[in-house]
N, C-alpha and C. Protein backbone atom coordinates (compact mmCIF):
# COMPACT_ATOMS: atom_id res chain seq x y z
N UNK A 1 119.16 116.28 69.64
CA UNK A 1 120.56 115.77 69.33
C UNK A 1 120.40 114.43 68.65
N UNK A 2 121.29 114.64 67.52
CA UNK A 2 121.29 113.07 66.72
C UNK A 2 122.21 112.94 66.09
N UNK A 3 122.54 111.69 66.11
CA UNK A 3 123.91 110.82 65.81
C UNK A 3 124.44 111.60 64.34
N UNK A 4 125.54 111.97 64.09
CA UNK A 4 125.58 113.03 62.57
C UNK A 4 125.37 112.00 61.05
N UNK A 5 124.58 112.53 60.38
CA UNK A 5 124.17 111.90 59.11
C UNK A 5 123.57 110.42 59.21
N UNK A 6 122.65 110.25 60.69
CA UNK A 6 121.94 109.33 60.62
C UNK A 6 120.37 109.23 59.84
N UNK A 7 119.85 108.32 59.67
CA UNK A 7 118.29 108.20 59.23
C UNK A 7 117.87 107.33 59.99
N UNK A 8 116.48 107.51 60.48
CA UNK A 8 115.78 106.23 60.90
C UNK A 8 116.17 105.92 62.21
N UNK A 9 116.65 106.81 63.32
CA UNK A 9 117.24 107.14 64.32
C UNK A 9 115.74 106.74 65.17
N UNK A 10 116.27 105.59 66.09
CA UNK A 10 115.12 105.35 67.45
C UNK A 10 115.29 106.64 68.12
N UNK A 11 114.13 106.98 68.75
CA UNK A 11 114.06 108.12 69.37
C UNK A 11 113.96 107.62 71.33
N UNK A 12 114.75 108.89 71.72
CA UNK A 12 114.72 109.33 73.30
C UNK A 12 113.73 110.36 73.70
N UNK A 13 112.64 110.42 74.39
CA UNK A 13 111.95 111.53 74.99
C UNK A 13 112.58 111.88 76.10
N UNK A 14 113.40 112.84 76.50
CA UNK A 14 113.89 113.19 78.17
C UNK A 14 113.13 114.41 78.53
N UNK A 15 112.93 113.83 79.70
CA UNK A 15 111.86 114.64 80.82
C UNK A 15 112.78 114.79 82.07
N UNK A 16 113.06 116.37 82.33
CA UNK A 16 114.05 116.36 83.67
C UNK A 16 112.80 116.45 85.15
N UNK A 17 114.11 116.67 85.67
CA UNK A 17 113.38 116.88 87.17
C UNK A 17 112.79 118.17 87.79
N UNK A 18 112.39 118.31 88.37
CA UNK A 18 111.31 119.63 89.13
C UNK A 18 112.14 120.87 89.13
N UNK A 19 112.32 121.88 88.58
CA UNK A 19 112.83 122.73 88.74
C UNK A 19 114.32 122.69 87.68
N UNK A 20 114.43 122.20 87.13
CA UNK A 20 115.39 121.78 86.11
C UNK A 20 115.29 122.23 84.53
N UNK A 21 116.25 121.81 83.88
CA UNK A 21 115.81 122.24 82.76
C UNK A 21 116.14 121.37 81.53
N UNK A 22 116.06 121.15 79.90
CA UNK A 22 117.01 120.44 79.11
C UNK A 22 118.47 119.90 79.15
N UNK A 23 118.95 121.11 79.82
CA UNK A 23 120.49 120.78 80.27
C UNK A 23 120.97 121.17 78.93
N UNK A 24 122.18 120.42 79.00
CA UNK A 24 123.16 120.77 77.51
C UNK A 24 123.57 119.55 76.80
N UNK A 25 123.96 119.70 75.35
CA UNK A 25 124.22 118.63 74.75
C UNK A 25 124.50 117.45 75.12
N UNK A 26 125.98 117.93 75.90
CA UNK A 26 126.53 116.45 76.30
C UNK A 26 125.95 115.86 77.15
N UNK A 27 125.31 116.35 77.61
CA UNK A 27 124.49 115.21 79.21
C UNK A 27 123.68 113.98 77.87
N UNK A 28 123.61 114.08 76.40
CA UNK A 28 122.54 113.06 75.93
C UNK A 28 124.16 112.29 74.77
N UNK A 29 125.45 112.67 74.56
CA UNK A 29 126.24 112.02 74.03
C UNK A 29 126.13 110.70 74.00
N UNK A 30 126.35 110.19 75.06
CA UNK A 30 126.09 108.75 74.98
C UNK A 30 125.02 107.88 74.81
N UNK A 31 123.75 108.78 75.07
CA UNK A 31 122.60 107.97 74.00
C UNK A 31 122.97 108.39 72.59
N UNK A 32 123.44 109.40 72.16
CA UNK A 32 123.15 109.46 70.45
C UNK A 32 124.31 108.58 70.26
N UNK A 33 125.58 108.58 70.83
CA UNK A 33 126.60 107.17 70.45
C UNK A 33 125.84 105.80 70.23
N UNK A 34 124.71 105.49 70.95
CA UNK A 34 124.17 104.30 71.04
C UNK A 34 123.51 104.54 69.66
N UNK A 35 122.99 105.77 68.95
CA UNK A 35 122.14 105.73 67.60
C UNK A 35 121.18 106.04 68.05
N UNK A 36 120.58 106.73 69.04
CA UNK A 36 119.34 107.43 69.33
C UNK A 36 119.23 109.13 69.01
N UNK A 37 118.20 109.62 68.90
CA UNK A 37 117.94 110.87 68.48
C UNK A 37 117.38 111.19 69.67
N UNK A 38 117.72 112.07 70.29
CA UNK A 38 117.09 112.63 71.67
C UNK A 38 116.44 113.90 71.71
N UNK A 39 115.29 113.82 72.31
CA UNK A 39 114.59 115.14 72.61
C UNK A 39 114.43 115.64 73.67
N UNK A 40 114.55 116.52 74.38
CA UNK A 40 114.76 116.78 75.48
C UNK A 40 113.91 118.45 75.60
N UNK A 41 112.68 118.37 76.60
CA UNK A 41 112.05 119.64 76.65
C UNK A 41 112.72 120.27 78.15
N UNK A 42 112.38 121.68 77.80
CA UNK A 42 112.09 122.62 79.01
C UNK A 42 110.75 122.68 79.58
N UNK A 43 110.48 121.95 80.76
CA UNK A 43 109.24 121.95 81.61
C UNK A 43 108.79 123.73 81.65
N UNK A 44 107.18 124.01 81.31
CA UNK A 44 107.01 125.57 81.37
C UNK A 44 107.21 125.98 82.91
N UNK A 45 107.52 127.01 82.86
CA UNK A 45 108.27 127.71 83.82
C UNK A 45 109.05 127.23 84.93
N UNK A 46 109.65 126.71 84.58
CA UNK A 46 110.49 126.04 85.38
C UNK A 46 112.16 126.26 85.18
N UNK A 47 113.14 125.65 85.15
CA UNK A 47 114.34 126.15 85.25
C UNK A 47 114.85 126.70 83.77
N UNK A 48 114.37 126.31 82.92
CA UNK A 48 114.49 126.20 81.42
C UNK A 48 114.22 127.73 80.50
N UNK A 49 114.15 127.60 79.25
CA UNK A 49 113.29 129.04 78.71
C UNK A 49 112.17 128.91 78.66
N UNK A 50 111.23 127.80 78.93
CA UNK A 50 109.87 127.64 78.88
C UNK A 50 109.20 128.84 79.52
N UNK A 51 108.19 129.60 78.67
CA UNK A 51 107.38 130.58 79.85
C UNK A 51 106.20 129.63 80.06
N UNK A 52 105.57 130.14 81.24
CA UNK A 52 104.30 129.62 81.74
C UNK A 52 103.12 130.49 81.28
N UNK A 53 102.47 130.69 80.28
CA UNK A 53 101.56 131.59 80.44
C UNK A 53 100.05 131.78 80.84
N UNK A 54 100.03 130.05 80.74
CA UNK A 54 97.78 129.90 80.84
C UNK A 54 97.65 130.81 82.11
N UNK A 55 96.38 130.93 81.88
CA UNK A 55 95.64 131.84 82.55
C UNK A 55 95.29 130.93 83.94
N UNK A 56 96.23 130.26 84.87
CA UNK A 56 95.46 129.90 85.95
C UNK A 56 94.93 130.49 86.49
N UNK A 57 93.25 129.40 87.12
CA UNK A 57 92.44 130.30 88.07
C UNK A 57 92.98 130.78 89.48
N UNK A 58 93.76 129.62 89.69
CA UNK A 58 94.72 129.97 90.93
C UNK A 58 96.06 130.06 90.48
N UNK A 59 96.90 131.11 91.14
CA UNK A 59 98.20 131.06 90.74
C UNK A 59 99.15 130.54 91.63
N UNK A 60 99.05 131.30 92.64
CA UNK A 60 99.75 131.11 94.03
C UNK A 60 101.10 131.51 93.93
N UNK A 61 102.13 130.88 94.47
CA UNK A 61 103.52 131.39 94.18
C UNK A 61 104.31 129.96 93.84
N UNK A 62 103.78 128.54 93.73
CA UNK A 62 104.31 127.67 93.45
C UNK A 62 103.58 126.70 92.43
N UNK A 63 104.38 126.69 91.51
CA UNK A 63 103.84 125.86 90.04
C UNK A 63 103.35 124.87 90.34
N UNK A 64 103.36 123.70 91.54
CA UNK A 64 102.50 122.60 91.83
C UNK A 64 101.38 122.96 92.29
N UNK A 65 100.71 124.30 93.00
CA UNK A 65 99.26 124.39 93.49
C UNK A 65 98.68 125.11 92.14
N UNK A 66 99.30 125.82 90.90
CA UNK A 66 98.58 126.62 90.26
C UNK A 66 97.71 125.58 89.50
N UNK A 67 96.51 126.48 89.52
CA UNK A 67 95.25 126.23 88.93
C UNK A 67 94.24 125.07 89.86
N UNK A 68 94.86 124.63 90.92
CA UNK A 68 94.09 124.30 91.82
C UNK A 68 92.65 124.82 92.14
N UNK A 69 91.36 123.95 92.45
CA UNK A 69 91.40 122.97 92.79
C UNK A 69 90.77 122.14 91.60
N UNK A 70 90.87 122.80 90.69
CA UNK A 70 89.92 122.42 88.96
C UNK A 70 91.03 121.51 88.22
N UNK A 71 90.94 120.15 88.03
CA UNK A 71 91.62 119.43 87.10
C UNK A 71 91.67 119.91 85.72
N UNK A 72 90.77 120.73 85.34
CA UNK A 72 91.00 120.96 83.70
C UNK A 72 92.28 122.20 83.68
N UNK A 73 92.55 122.95 84.84
CA UNK A 73 93.40 123.51 84.54
C UNK A 73 94.73 123.86 85.77
N UNK A 74 94.78 122.48 86.43
CA UNK A 74 95.79 122.15 86.91
C UNK A 74 97.24 122.26 86.29
N UNK A 75 98.06 122.80 86.94
CA UNK A 75 99.76 122.93 86.07
C UNK A 75 100.14 121.60 85.55
N UNK A 76 99.67 120.59 86.30
CA UNK A 76 100.19 119.13 85.85
C UNK A 76 99.38 118.81 84.46
N UNK A 77 98.60 118.92 84.25
CA UNK A 77 97.32 118.96 83.01
C UNK A 77 98.27 119.38 82.02
N UNK A 78 98.75 120.42 81.93
CA UNK A 78 99.34 121.38 80.96
C UNK A 78 100.53 120.83 80.76
N UNK A 79 101.32 120.61 81.95
CA UNK A 79 102.64 120.11 81.80
C UNK A 79 102.71 118.37 80.94
N UNK A 80 101.75 117.85 81.29
CA UNK A 80 101.80 116.73 80.27
C UNK A 80 101.41 116.78 78.96
N UNK A 81 100.71 117.39 78.86
CA UNK A 81 100.28 117.61 77.04
C UNK A 81 101.62 118.61 76.58
N UNK A 82 102.21 119.09 77.04
CA UNK A 82 103.79 119.49 76.69
C UNK A 82 104.50 118.39 76.31
N UNK A 83 104.51 117.22 77.06
CA UNK A 83 105.31 116.42 77.31
C UNK A 83 104.60 115.38 76.34
N UNK A 84 103.79 115.24 75.78
CA UNK A 84 103.01 114.47 74.93
C UNK A 84 103.38 115.07 73.52
N UNK A 85 103.41 116.66 73.47
CA UNK A 85 103.62 117.21 72.14
C UNK A 85 105.09 116.94 71.75
N UNK A 86 105.99 116.58 72.79
CA UNK A 86 107.37 116.54 72.47
C UNK A 86 107.22 115.05 71.80
N UNK A 87 106.56 114.22 71.97
CA UNK A 87 106.33 113.10 71.12
C UNK A 87 105.82 113.22 69.93
N UNK A 88 104.94 114.17 69.76
CA UNK A 88 104.51 114.53 68.14
C UNK A 88 105.69 115.10 67.22
N UNK A 89 106.74 115.82 67.93
CA UNK A 89 107.81 116.64 67.51
C UNK A 89 108.55 115.37 66.81
N UNK A 90 108.88 114.76 67.60
CA UNK A 90 110.03 113.75 67.38
C UNK A 90 109.63 112.73 66.41
N UNK A 91 108.25 112.55 66.27
CA UNK A 91 107.69 111.29 65.43
C UNK A 91 107.70 112.05 63.94
N UNK A 92 107.75 113.16 64.27
CA UNK A 92 107.32 113.89 62.82
C UNK A 92 108.84 114.21 62.34
N UNK A 93 109.87 114.21 63.06
CA UNK A 93 111.29 114.47 62.36
C UNK A 93 111.70 113.78 60.93
N UNK A 94 112.19 114.06 60.08
CA UNK A 94 112.47 113.35 59.06
C UNK A 94 113.83 112.57 59.22
N UNK A 95 114.33 112.37 60.28
CA UNK A 95 115.47 111.85 60.72
C UNK A 95 115.38 110.45 61.89
N UNK A 96 113.75 110.47 62.37
CA UNK A 96 113.67 109.14 63.44
C UNK A 96 112.91 108.10 62.70
N UNK A 97 112.95 107.38 63.64
CA UNK A 97 112.07 106.09 63.65
C UNK A 97 111.13 105.90 64.86
N UNK A 98 110.18 105.97 64.32
CA UNK A 98 108.78 106.11 65.70
C UNK A 98 108.74 104.47 65.98
N UNK A 99 109.00 103.71 65.37
CA UNK A 99 108.69 102.29 66.24
C UNK A 99 109.70 101.85 67.37
N UNK A 100 110.86 102.87 67.74
CA UNK A 100 111.25 102.78 68.83
C UNK A 100 111.06 104.14 69.35
N UNK A 101 110.13 103.90 70.34
CA UNK A 101 109.97 105.38 71.19
C UNK A 101 109.76 105.50 72.66
N UNK A 102 111.05 105.79 73.04
CA UNK A 102 111.70 105.55 74.45
C UNK A 102 111.43 107.06 75.54
N UNK A 103 110.51 106.61 76.47
CA UNK A 103 110.19 108.09 77.16
C UNK A 103 111.17 107.57 78.63
N UNK A 104 112.08 108.77 79.08
CA UNK A 104 112.93 108.57 79.66
C UNK A 104 112.70 109.97 80.60
N UNK A 105 113.29 109.58 82.10
CA UNK A 105 113.20 110.86 82.99
C UNK A 105 113.58 110.37 84.50
N UNK A 106 113.60 111.22 85.29
CA UNK A 106 113.82 111.04 86.72
C UNK A 106 113.10 111.56 87.68
N UNK A 107 112.53 111.49 88.70
CA UNK A 107 111.56 112.06 89.33
C UNK A 107 110.43 112.71 88.59
N UNK A 108 110.60 114.03 88.66
CA UNK A 108 109.24 114.68 87.64
C UNK A 108 109.37 113.99 86.54
N UNK A 109 110.55 113.85 85.99
CA UNK A 109 110.67 113.52 84.44
C UNK A 109 110.21 111.95 84.70
N UNK A 110 110.48 111.00 85.38
CA UNK A 110 109.98 109.90 85.77
C UNK A 110 108.28 109.80 85.85
N UNK A 111 107.89 110.62 86.42
CA UNK A 111 106.04 110.82 86.36
C UNK A 111 105.94 111.25 85.19
N UNK A 112 106.79 111.97 84.30
CA UNK A 112 105.98 112.35 83.17
C UNK A 112 106.14 111.08 82.03
N UNK A 113 107.49 110.05 81.95
CA UNK A 113 107.44 109.35 81.04
C UNK A 113 106.75 108.22 81.67
N UNK A 114 106.08 108.24 82.89
CA UNK A 114 105.26 106.89 82.80
C UNK A 114 103.93 107.11 82.35
N UNK A 115 103.43 108.89 82.47
CA UNK A 115 102.11 109.44 82.15
C UNK A 115 101.94 109.58 80.70
N UNK A 116 103.14 109.30 80.09
CA UNK A 116 103.04 109.53 78.64
C UNK A 116 103.00 108.59 77.99
N UNK A 117 103.58 107.44 78.83
CA UNK A 117 103.54 106.15 78.38
C UNK A 117 101.83 105.48 78.67
N UNK A 118 101.41 105.83 79.29
CA UNK A 118 99.79 105.43 79.38
C UNK A 118 98.80 106.29 78.52
N UNK A 119 99.39 107.50 78.28
CA UNK A 119 98.55 108.28 77.59
C UNK A 119 98.65 108.34 76.08
N UNK A 120 99.97 107.63 75.65
CA UNK A 120 100.38 107.83 74.40
C UNK A 120 100.72 106.23 73.97
N UNK A 121 99.95 105.58 72.83
CA UNK A 121 100.09 104.71 72.84
C UNK A 121 101.79 104.37 71.78
N UNK A 122 102.31 105.49 71.25
CA UNK A 122 103.31 105.61 70.13
C UNK A 122 104.39 104.99 71.21
N UNK A 123 104.30 105.27 72.73
CA UNK A 123 105.76 105.06 73.70
C UNK A 123 105.93 103.26 73.40
N UNK A 124 107.09 102.59 72.94
CA UNK A 124 107.26 101.31 73.32
C UNK A 124 108.31 100.93 74.26
N UNK A 125 109.05 102.09 74.77
CA UNK A 125 109.80 101.77 76.43
C UNK A 125 109.72 102.70 77.09
N UNK A 126 109.61 102.50 78.32
CA UNK A 126 109.40 103.82 79.56
C UNK A 126 110.61 103.33 80.30
N UNK A 127 111.52 104.48 80.66
CA UNK A 127 112.61 103.99 81.64
C UNK A 127 112.45 105.34 82.53
N UNK A 128 111.73 104.73 83.69
CA UNK A 128 111.63 106.09 84.64
C UNK A 128 112.66 105.65 86.34
N UNK A 129 112.96 106.66 86.56
CA UNK A 129 113.73 106.61 87.77
C UNK A 129 113.49 107.49 88.89
N UNK A 130 113.22 107.01 90.40
CA UNK A 130 113.06 107.39 91.41
C UNK A 130 111.52 108.46 91.28
N UNK A 131 110.52 107.86 90.29
CA UNK A 131 109.43 108.31 89.79
C UNK A 131 108.61 109.44 90.86
N UNK A 132 107.98 110.56 90.61
CA UNK A 132 107.22 111.23 90.86
C UNK A 132 105.57 110.75 90.73
N UNK A 133 104.71 111.40 91.27
CA UNK A 133 103.22 111.81 91.21
C UNK A 133 102.58 110.40 91.23
N UNK A 134 102.97 109.63 92.09
CA UNK A 134 102.16 108.08 92.68
C UNK A 134 102.10 108.09 94.23
N UNK A 135 100.56 107.86 94.08
CA UNK A 135 99.93 107.99 95.32
C UNK A 135 100.01 109.18 96.09
N UNK A 136 99.39 110.58 95.21
CA UNK A 136 99.91 111.58 95.15
C UNK A 136 99.07 112.24 96.84
N UNK A 137 97.92 111.38 97.36
CA UNK A 137 97.48 112.00 98.33
C UNK A 137 98.10 111.55 99.72
N UNK A 138 99.18 110.88 99.56
CA UNK A 138 100.23 110.46 100.54
C UNK A 138 101.42 111.26 100.49
N UNK A 139 101.33 111.84 99.34
CA UNK A 139 102.63 112.69 98.98
C UNK A 139 102.19 114.11 99.58
N UNK A 140 101.09 114.47 99.40
CA UNK A 140 100.66 115.75 100.18
C UNK A 140 100.54 115.71 101.42
N UNK A 141 100.10 114.39 102.37
CA UNK A 141 99.90 114.48 103.68
C UNK A 141 101.36 114.28 104.45
N UNK A 142 102.33 113.89 103.61
CA UNK A 142 103.63 113.66 103.95
C UNK A 142 104.67 114.76 103.94
N UNK A 143 103.76 115.42 102.95
CA UNK A 143 104.50 117.00 102.48
C UNK A 143 105.77 116.67 101.62
N UNK A 144 106.08 115.79 100.77
CA UNK A 144 106.98 114.93 100.41
C UNK A 144 107.21 115.78 99.25
N UNK A 145 108.26 116.61 98.85
CA UNK A 145 108.61 116.99 97.78
C UNK A 145 107.90 118.28 97.13
N UNK A 146 107.60 118.54 95.86
CA UNK A 146 106.79 119.41 95.29
C UNK A 146 105.38 119.39 95.85
N UNK A 147 104.84 118.16 96.24
CA UNK A 147 103.66 118.40 96.79
C UNK A 147 103.25 118.71 98.05
N UNK A 148 104.31 119.06 98.46
CA UNK A 148 104.21 119.86 99.76
C UNK A 148 103.11 121.03 99.52
N UNK A 149 103.50 121.94 98.31
CA UNK A 149 102.94 122.90 97.98
C UNK A 149 101.26 122.69 97.66
N UNK A 150 100.60 121.58 97.87
CA UNK A 150 99.31 121.51 98.00
C UNK A 150 98.88 121.35 99.37
N UNK A 151 99.65 120.57 100.33
CA UNK A 151 99.94 120.95 101.40
C UNK A 151 99.55 122.39 102.27
N UNK A 152 100.06 123.20 101.72
CA UNK A 152 100.28 124.92 102.24
C UNK A 152 99.29 125.20 101.29
N UNK A 153 98.78 124.91 100.27
CA UNK A 153 97.54 125.36 99.75
C UNK A 153 96.08 125.02 100.60
N UNK A 154 96.45 123.37 100.97
CA UNK A 154 94.86 123.47 101.93
C UNK A 154 95.21 123.67 103.32
N UNK A 155 96.12 124.56 103.83
CA UNK A 155 96.27 125.32 105.12
C UNK A 155 95.28 126.42 104.81
N UNK A 156 95.61 126.84 103.67
CA UNK A 156 94.44 128.12 103.38
C UNK A 156 93.22 127.82 103.22
N UNK A 157 93.33 126.86 102.38
CA UNK A 157 91.97 126.41 101.59
C UNK A 157 91.59 125.02 102.43
N UNK A 158 91.39 125.12 103.63
CA UNK A 158 90.85 123.19 104.26
C UNK A 158 89.52 122.79 103.58
N UNK A 159 88.55 123.65 103.26
CA UNK A 159 87.46 123.34 102.85
C UNK A 159 87.26 122.77 101.26
N UNK A 160 88.50 122.81 100.81
CA UNK A 160 88.73 122.60 99.58
C UNK A 160 89.32 120.90 99.37
N UNK A 161 89.79 120.44 100.39
CA UNK A 161 90.55 118.88 100.18
C UNK A 161 89.90 117.95 99.48
N UNK A 162 88.53 117.65 99.57
CA UNK A 162 88.37 116.77 98.98
C UNK A 162 88.51 117.00 96.89
N UNK A 163 88.43 118.47 97.04
CA UNK A 163 88.10 118.99 95.82
C UNK A 163 89.72 118.82 94.88
N UNK A 164 90.82 119.27 96.03
CA UNK A 164 92.19 119.00 95.80
C UNK A 164 92.61 117.40 95.35
N UNK A 165 91.68 116.42 96.45
CA UNK A 165 92.03 115.20 96.33
C UNK A 165 91.81 114.50 95.22
N UNK A 166 90.40 115.16 94.77
CA UNK A 166 89.63 114.33 93.31
C UNK A 166 90.83 115.22 92.05
N UNK A 167 91.35 116.20 92.21
CA UNK A 167 91.88 116.67 90.83
C UNK A 167 93.18 115.90 90.81
N UNK A 168 94.01 115.78 91.75
CA UNK A 168 95.03 114.60 91.92
C UNK A 168 95.13 113.39 91.51
N UNK A 169 93.81 112.75 91.62
CA UNK A 169 93.66 111.67 91.00
C UNK A 169 93.61 111.67 89.44
N UNK A 170 93.29 112.53 88.79
CA UNK A 170 93.65 112.26 87.43
C UNK A 170 95.14 112.19 86.73
N UNK A 171 96.06 112.73 87.90
CA UNK A 171 97.49 112.43 87.54
C UNK A 171 97.86 111.91 88.29
N UNK A 172 97.88 110.91 88.93
CA UNK A 172 98.06 109.82 89.67
C UNK A 172 98.95 108.82 88.82
N UNK A 173 99.64 108.21 88.97
CA UNK A 173 99.95 107.29 87.95
C UNK A 173 99.40 106.13 88.49
N UNK A 174 99.39 105.61 89.49
CA UNK A 174 98.90 104.69 89.86
C UNK A 174 97.36 104.11 89.26
N UNK A 175 96.79 105.54 88.79
CA UNK A 175 95.19 104.82 88.10
C UNK A 175 95.81 105.07 86.97
N UNK A 176 97.03 105.29 86.47
CA UNK A 176 97.19 105.43 84.76
C UNK A 176 97.78 103.91 84.61
N UNK A 177 98.55 103.55 85.41
CA UNK A 177 99.57 102.30 85.35
C UNK A 177 98.66 100.89 84.13
N UNK A 178 97.35 100.87 84.54
CA UNK A 178 96.77 99.68 83.65
C UNK A 178 96.78 100.02 82.06
N UNK A 179 96.86 101.39 81.69
CA UNK A 179 96.96 101.86 80.67
C UNK A 179 98.20 101.47 79.79
N UNK A 180 99.35 101.25 80.50
CA UNK A 180 100.79 100.95 79.60
C UNK A 180 100.94 100.07 78.74
N UNK A 181 101.16 100.13 77.96
CA UNK A 181 101.64 98.77 76.85
C UNK A 181 102.91 98.90 76.55
N UNK A 182 104.10 99.81 76.95
CA UNK A 182 105.29 99.99 76.74
C UNK A 182 106.10 98.95 77.94
N UNK A 183 107.40 98.59 77.14
CA UNK A 183 108.38 98.18 78.40
C UNK A 183 108.73 98.93 79.13
N UNK A 184 108.46 98.46 80.79
CA UNK A 184 108.93 99.50 81.38
C UNK A 184 110.26 98.90 82.47
N UNK A 185 111.72 99.95 82.58
CA UNK A 185 112.41 99.38 83.24
C UNK A 185 112.63 100.72 84.36
N UNK A 186 112.46 100.43 85.48
CA UNK A 186 112.35 101.61 86.29
C UNK A 186 113.66 101.42 87.67
N UNK A 187 113.49 102.54 88.15
CA UNK A 187 114.21 102.26 89.46
C UNK A 187 113.42 103.14 90.82
N UNK A 188 113.88 102.90 92.17
CA UNK A 188 113.43 103.21 92.82
C UNK A 188 114.48 103.35 94.06
N UNK A 189 114.32 104.44 95.07
CA UNK A 189 115.30 104.49 96.29
C UNK A 189 114.59 104.38 97.60
N UNK A 190 114.93 103.31 98.52
CA UNK A 190 113.76 103.16 99.59
C UNK A 190 113.98 103.98 100.49
N UNK A 191 115.14 104.99 100.64
CA UNK A 191 115.66 106.07 101.89
C UNK A 191 115.07 107.42 101.07
N UNK A 192 114.35 107.50 99.79
CA UNK A 192 114.24 108.50 99.09
C UNK A 192 112.91 109.50 100.03
N UNK A 193 112.83 110.49 100.77
CA UNK A 193 111.90 111.28 101.38
C UNK A 193 111.29 112.31 100.31
N UNK A 194 111.60 112.45 98.89
CA UNK A 194 110.89 113.57 97.97
C UNK A 194 110.16 112.64 97.12
N UNK A 195 110.23 111.76 96.90
CA UNK A 195 109.69 110.83 96.12
C UNK A 195 109.58 108.98 96.40
N UNK A 196 108.98 109.02 97.79
CA UNK A 196 109.56 107.91 98.21
C UNK A 196 109.00 106.52 97.26
N UNK A 197 110.05 105.64 97.89
CA UNK A 197 110.03 104.52 96.71
C UNK A 197 109.13 103.47 97.36
N UNK A 198 108.76 103.47 98.47
CA UNK A 198 107.61 102.53 98.94
C UNK A 198 106.00 103.01 97.78
N UNK A 199 106.05 104.51 97.65
CA UNK A 199 104.75 104.51 97.16
C UNK A 199 104.73 104.45 95.54
N UNK A 200 105.66 104.22 94.68
CA UNK A 200 105.89 104.16 93.79
C UNK A 200 105.14 102.40 93.23
N UNK A 201 105.28 101.88 94.06
CA UNK A 201 105.12 100.24 94.09
C UNK A 201 103.58 100.45 93.70
N UNK A 202 102.63 101.50 94.28
CA UNK A 202 101.07 101.71 93.88
C UNK A 202 100.85 101.70 92.66
N UNK A 203 102.03 102.17 91.74
CA UNK A 203 101.64 102.56 90.35
C UNK A 203 102.61 100.84 89.75
N UNK A 204 103.68 100.70 90.13
CA UNK A 204 104.53 99.40 89.44
C UNK A 204 103.73 98.60 89.58
N UNK A 205 102.99 97.99 90.55
CA UNK A 205 102.09 96.95 90.59
C UNK A 205 100.96 96.81 89.72
N UNK A 206 100.81 98.14 89.41
CA UNK A 206 99.51 97.60 88.36
C UNK A 206 99.68 97.50 87.23
N UNK A 207 101.18 97.96 86.75
CA UNK A 207 101.53 97.72 85.18
C UNK A 207 101.29 96.61 84.62
N UNK A 208 100.47 96.10 83.36
CA UNK A 208 100.55 94.76 83.05
C UNK A 208 101.52 94.69 81.99
N UNK A 209 101.93 95.57 81.98
CA UNK A 209 103.27 95.18 80.28
C UNK A 209 104.38 94.47 80.63
N UNK A 210 105.23 94.20 79.91
CA UNK A 210 106.50 93.59 80.16
C UNK A 210 107.09 95.02 81.44
N UNK A 211 107.90 94.29 82.34
CA UNK A 211 108.52 95.38 83.53
C UNK A 211 109.41 94.71 84.09
N UNK A 212 110.44 95.83 85.04
CA UNK A 212 111.72 95.16 85.70
C UNK A 212 111.61 96.43 86.67
N UNK A 213 112.28 96.75 87.71
CA UNK A 213 112.59 97.70 88.65
C UNK A 213 113.62 97.26 89.33
N UNK A 214 114.87 98.12 89.45
CA UNK A 214 115.76 97.85 90.54
C UNK A 214 115.49 98.99 91.18
N UNK A 215 115.93 98.25 92.79
CA UNK A 215 115.45 99.01 93.76
C UNK A 215 116.92 99.04 94.70
N UNK A 216 117.11 100.43 95.19
CA UNK A 216 118.53 101.01 95.57
C UNK A 216 117.88 101.14 97.22
N UNK A 217 118.50 99.72 98.15
CA UNK A 217 117.85 100.00 99.22
C UNK A 217 118.32 101.12 100.42
N UNK A 218 119.45 101.80 100.09
CA UNK A 218 120.25 102.48 101.08
C UNK A 218 120.10 103.97 100.19
N UNK A 219 119.65 104.03 99.06
CA UNK A 219 120.09 105.50 98.61
C UNK A 219 118.96 106.24 98.60
N UNK A 220 119.01 107.75 98.46
CA UNK A 220 118.09 108.79 98.88
C UNK A 220 117.33 108.72 97.40
N UNK A 221 117.26 110.48 97.25
CA UNK A 221 116.32 110.62 96.09
C UNK A 221 117.64 110.72 94.49
N UNK A 222 118.68 110.55 94.98
CA UNK A 222 119.52 110.17 93.78
C UNK A 222 119.46 108.89 93.10
N UNK A 223 118.74 108.01 93.63
CA UNK A 223 118.34 106.75 92.91
C UNK A 223 119.93 105.79 93.15
N UNK A 224 120.26 105.40 91.75
CA UNK A 224 121.27 104.48 91.65
C UNK A 224 122.22 105.78 90.98
N UNK A 225 122.02 106.65 90.82
CA UNK A 225 123.45 107.54 90.38
C UNK A 225 124.16 107.01 89.15
N UNK A 226 125.31 107.07 88.97
CA UNK A 226 126.06 106.83 87.42
C UNK A 226 126.05 105.04 87.44
N UNK A 227 125.92 104.42 88.66
CA UNK A 227 126.08 102.80 88.50
C UNK A 227 124.47 102.50 87.91
N UNK A 228 123.59 103.11 88.11
CA UNK A 228 122.23 103.19 87.35
C UNK A 228 122.03 103.60 86.00
N UNK A 229 122.71 104.82 86.03
CA UNK A 229 122.73 105.31 84.34
C UNK A 229 123.94 104.17 83.57
N UNK A 230 124.74 103.93 83.84
CA UNK A 230 125.67 102.64 83.19
C UNK A 230 124.11 101.48 82.83
N UNK A 231 123.60 101.15 84.03
CA UNK A 231 122.80 99.95 83.38
C UNK A 231 121.56 100.52 82.70
N UNK A 232 121.33 101.72 82.45
CA UNK A 232 119.97 101.69 81.38
C UNK A 232 120.99 102.12 80.17
N UNK A 233 122.11 102.44 79.79
CA UNK A 233 122.92 102.67 78.82
C UNK A 233 123.01 101.30 78.34
N UNK A 234 123.07 100.09 79.29
CA UNK A 234 123.14 98.82 78.64
C UNK A 234 121.85 98.64 78.11
N UNK A 235 120.60 98.79 78.72
CA UNK A 235 119.14 98.44 78.48
C UNK A 235 118.71 99.25 77.22
N UNK A 236 119.29 100.22 76.99
CA UNK A 236 119.14 101.42 75.41
C UNK A 236 120.18 100.22 74.69
N UNK A 237 120.78 99.79 74.53
CA UNK A 237 121.64 99.45 73.81
C UNK A 237 120.79 98.10 73.00
């Protein structure tokens, strides 16, 4: 989605939450009205149109255990490579200006925003809400959100615990945070049992670039909702 007739648009990369999709054009009108070109992706095998054809060694019944316990085959690896490819597409468009490249998302999308910011130096700003993928071992042990799938996997294959913990370490944002050079604007919620806000600080505290966080003390996984969305628009403006 891009502002009509515009060239040299700053970029927003939008990554959706687990099981969702890139959605509808009108979801991004407010960002386009601020002058941004918005590129949104369907995560492979989730609620949109993207398929999931990679020959994972272990497929199982849940996306978040596919490929375990091999980090080269793990689903999240391929998901993140897709997300970086979205940046390639956006920066290659003839109507964009890649000098302002914003990675944006909530939950799974928040984790993708943080991870892409760590792995791709083109990202200048990271806006991440109630982010997933931090302190993943505790997520598994607490059966929080989609990582409960790996707890189920370890019930079947308890002998692979150390292999699984090593696998997820490659994708844990607390191990990637020190690589981030982008400005970070984050939010978390302290009553969030899906992506516990207190776990995200294991990542946030290691970020060395300019950063700010909004904490919603009473909220669950919905985070700051419409109130915080308005604050993000102010940040983008």
